């Protein structure tokens, strides 16, 4: 099976560490793994990635603008068409949305992984962006993984694709 893992970078952090572990585990099981990093930090990988795992970094173009976003989406689509994965696993936002837009019409299942809790204390209010990503964008994916059973219990009535 060909698997693409897509995240912002591999320069540090828990989600990045998990991605490196997935890449290693999938590779050891005989899967062909490609990691796409949104930020061009492929030289700054701080986790052990097997040599048979390809890392493809998106090129930067301009500052934050619509043209930069479109350029990224087109780069992702080009890589995905080149790799021809059987599945894509995205790590955190906005990678999931980028992957979704890049694969329109390609019929490749996307699984988004949430690495921030849904369960929050009352004083930790959601931003509009977080609400949009967690409760609307996540409906686009074949599956969404969450951190805890409490998170799953909290949102499974709003998302029917949660593990």
Protein backbone atom coordinates (compact mmCIF):
# COMPACT_ATOMS: atom_id res chain seq x y z
CA UNK A 1 0.00 0.00 0.00
CA UNK A 2 1.18 3.53 -0.77
CA UNK A 3 0.62 5.98 2.08
CA UNK A 4 1.16 9.73 2.13
CA UNK A 5 1.59 11.48 5.47
CA UNK A 6 1.08 15.24 5.23
CA UNK A 7 1.97 17.74 7.96
CA UNK A 8 3.45 21.20 8.42
CA UNK A 9 7.01 20.05 9.20
CA UNK A 10 9.22 17.60 11.07
CA UNK A 11 11.16 20.04 13.22
CA UNK A 12 9.77 19.10 16.62
CA UNK A 13 6.57 18.51 18.58
CA UNK A 14 4.35 15.62 19.58
CA UNK A 15 2.33 15.34 16.37
CA UNK A 16 5.55 15.44 14.37
CA UNK A 17 7.01 12.67 16.53
CA UNK A 18 3.89 10.55 16.01
CA UNK A 19 4.19 11.09 12.25
CA UNK A 20 7.80 9.90 12.31
CA UNK A 21 6.71 6.80 14.26
CA UNK A 22 3.93 6.11 11.74
CA UNK A 23 6.35 6.47 8.84
CA UNK A 24 8.72 4.01 10.47
CA UNK A 25 5.97 1.55 11.39
CA UNK A 26 4.30 1.62 7.98
CA UNK A 27 7.68 1.24 6.28
CA UNK A 28 8.61 -1.76 8.46
CA UNK A 29 5.33 -3.39 7.44
CA UNK A 30 6.25 -3.10 3.76
CA UNK A 31 4.21 -0.03 2.84
CA UNK A 32 5.60 2.65 0.53
CA UNK A 33 5.58 5.89 2.54
CA UNK A 34 5.95 9.49 1.42
CA UNK A 35 5.90 12.42 3.82
CA UNK A 36 4.86 15.80 2.47
CA UNK A 37 5.93 18.73 4.63
CA UNK A 38 4.12 22.01 4.13
CA UNK A 39 7.01 24.14 5.32
CA UNK A 40 10.32 23.70 3.54
CA UNK A 41 12.26 22.40 6.54
CA UNK A 42 13.23 19.02 5.20
CA UNK A 43 16.85 19.67 6.23
CA UNK A 44 15.74 20.20 9.82
CA UNK A 45 14.18 16.79 10.45
CA UNK A 46 14.77 16.02 14.11
CA UNK A 47 13.23 12.55 14.19
CA UNK A 48 14.53 9.28 12.81
CA UNK A 49 12.94 8.63 9.41
CA UNK A 50 13.78 5.38 7.58
CA UNK A 51 15.86 5.90 4.43
CA UNK A 52 13.17 4.31 2.24
CA UNK A 53 10.63 6.97 3.26
CA UNK A 54 10.57 9.87 0.83
CA UNK A 55 10.25 13.41 2.19
CA UNK A 56 8.86 16.00 -0.20
CA UNK A 57 8.82 19.63 0.91
CA UNK A 58 6.55 22.21 -0.64
CA UNK A 59 8.31 25.21 -2.08
CA UNK A 60 7.57 28.61 -0.63
CA UNK A 61 6.13 31.30 -2.84
CA UNK A 62 5.40 34.78 -1.53
CA UNK A 63 3.79 35.80 1.71
CA UNK A 64 0.47 34.59 3.06
CA UNK A 65 -1.96 35.25 0.25
CA UNK A 66 -4.50 33.49 -1.90
CA UNK A 67 -1.89 32.91 -4.61
CA UNK A 68 0.42 31.20 -2.08
CA UNK A 69 -2.38 28.94 -0.91
CA UNK A 70 -3.32 28.02 -4.49
CA UNK A 71 0.35 27.40 -5.31
CA UNK A 72 0.63 25.04 -2.30
CA UNK A 73 -2.52 23.16 -3.27
CA UNK A 74 -1.23 22.71 -6.83
CA UNK A 75 2.13 21.45 -5.51
CA UNK A 76 0.35 18.96 -3.24
CA UNK A 77 -1.80 17.76 -6.15
CA UNK A 78 1.29 17.31 -8.33
CA UNK A 79 3.04 15.23 -5.65
CA UNK A 80 -0.07 13.15 -4.99
CA UNK A 81 -0.56 12.44 -8.71
CA UNK A 82 3.11 11.46 -8.92
CA UNK A 83 3.03 9.18 -5.84
CA UNK A 84 -0.47 7.74 -6.50
CA UNK A 85 -1.18 6.88 -2.84
CA UNK A 86 -3.87 4.49 -1.68
CA UNK A 87 -4.51 6.71 1.35
CA UNK A 88 -3.49 10.07 2.79
CA UNK A 89 -3.12 10.77 6.49
CA UNK A 90 -3.07 14.44 7.38
CA UNK A 91 -1.72 15.76 10.64
CA UNK A 92 -3.48 18.81 12.05
CA UNK A 93 -4.97 21.79 10.31
CA UNK A 94 -4.76 23.28 7.71
CA UNK A 95 -3.04 20.25 6.12
CA UNK A 96 -6.31 18.33 5.98
CA UNK A 97 -8.11 21.08 4.08
CA UNK A 98 -5.16 21.53 1.70
CA UNK A 99 -5.11 17.78 0.99
CA UNK A 100 -8.86 17.72 0.44
CA UNK A 101 -8.71 20.58 -2.06
CA UNK A 102 -5.66 19.06 -3.79
CA UNK A 103 -7.37 15.70 -4.29
CA UNK A 104 -10.75 16.81 -5.60
CA UNK A 105 -11.69 14.28 -8.28
CA UNK A 106 -8.86 11.85 -7.45
CA UNK A 107 -10.90 9.53 -5.18
CA UNK A 108 -8.16 9.03 -2.59
CA UNK A 109 -9.38 8.55 0.98
CA UNK A 110 -8.08 11.13 3.46
CA UNK A 111 -7.84 10.50 7.19
CA UNK A 112 -7.31 13.57 9.36
CA UNK A 113 -5.69 13.27 12.76
CA UNK A 114 -6.57 15.71 15.50
CA UNK A 115 -3.79 16.33 17.99
CA UNK A 116 -5.56 18.97 20.07
CA UNK A 117 -8.33 18.10 22.50
CA UNK A 118 -11.99 18.73 21.80
CA UNK A 119 -12.74 18.56 25.51
CA UNK A 120 -11.97 21.94 27.09
CA UNK A 121 -12.66 23.80 30.31
CA UNK A 122 -15.40 26.44 30.05
CA UNK A 123 -12.98 29.36 30.05
CA UNK A 124 -11.05 28.01 27.03
CA UNK A 125 -13.32 29.32 24.28
CA UNK A 126 -13.16 28.06 20.71
CA UNK A 127 -12.12 30.51 18.01
CA UNK A 128 -14.21 30.64 14.83
CA UNK A 129 -11.30 29.11 12.92
CA UNK A 130 -11.12 26.17 15.37
CA UNK A 131 -14.88 25.62 15.16
CA UNK A 132 -14.73 25.66 11.35
CA UNK A 133 -11.84 23.19 11.21
CA UNK A 134 -12.94 20.81 13.93
CA UNK A 135 -16.66 20.62 13.21
CA UNK A 136 -17.04 21.41 9.50
CA UNK A 137 -13.79 20.61 7.69
CA UNK A 138 -13.54 17.27 9.52
CA UNK A 139 -16.81 16.18 7.88
CA UNK A 140 -14.96 16.06 4.54
CA UNK A 141 -12.67 13.18 5.48
CA UNK A 142 -13.05 9.42 5.30
CA UNK A 143 -12.07 9.30 8.97
CA UNK A 144 -10.90 11.50 11.82
CA UNK A 145 -8.88 10.32 14.79
CA UNK A 146 -9.03 12.06 18.16
CA UNK A 147 -6.86 11.83 21.24
CA UNK A 148 -9.22 10.41 23.85
CA UNK A 149 -12.49 8.59 24.39
CA UNK A 150 -13.78 11.76 26.06
CA UNK A 151 -13.15 13.68 22.81
CA UNK A 152 -14.91 10.97 20.80
CA UNK A 153 -17.89 10.99 23.17
CA UNK A 154 -18.05 14.78 22.94
CA UNK A 155 -18.16 15.01 19.16
CA UNK A 156 -19.45 11.74 17.77
CA UNK A 157 -22.97 13.19 17.50
CA UNK A 158 -21.54 15.98 15.26
CA UNK A 159 -19.12 13.85 13.23
CA UNK A 160 -19.92 10.31 12.12
CA UNK A 161 -16.38 9.45 11.02
CA UNK A 162 -14.54 9.61 14.36
CA UNK A 163 -12.19 7.04 15.86
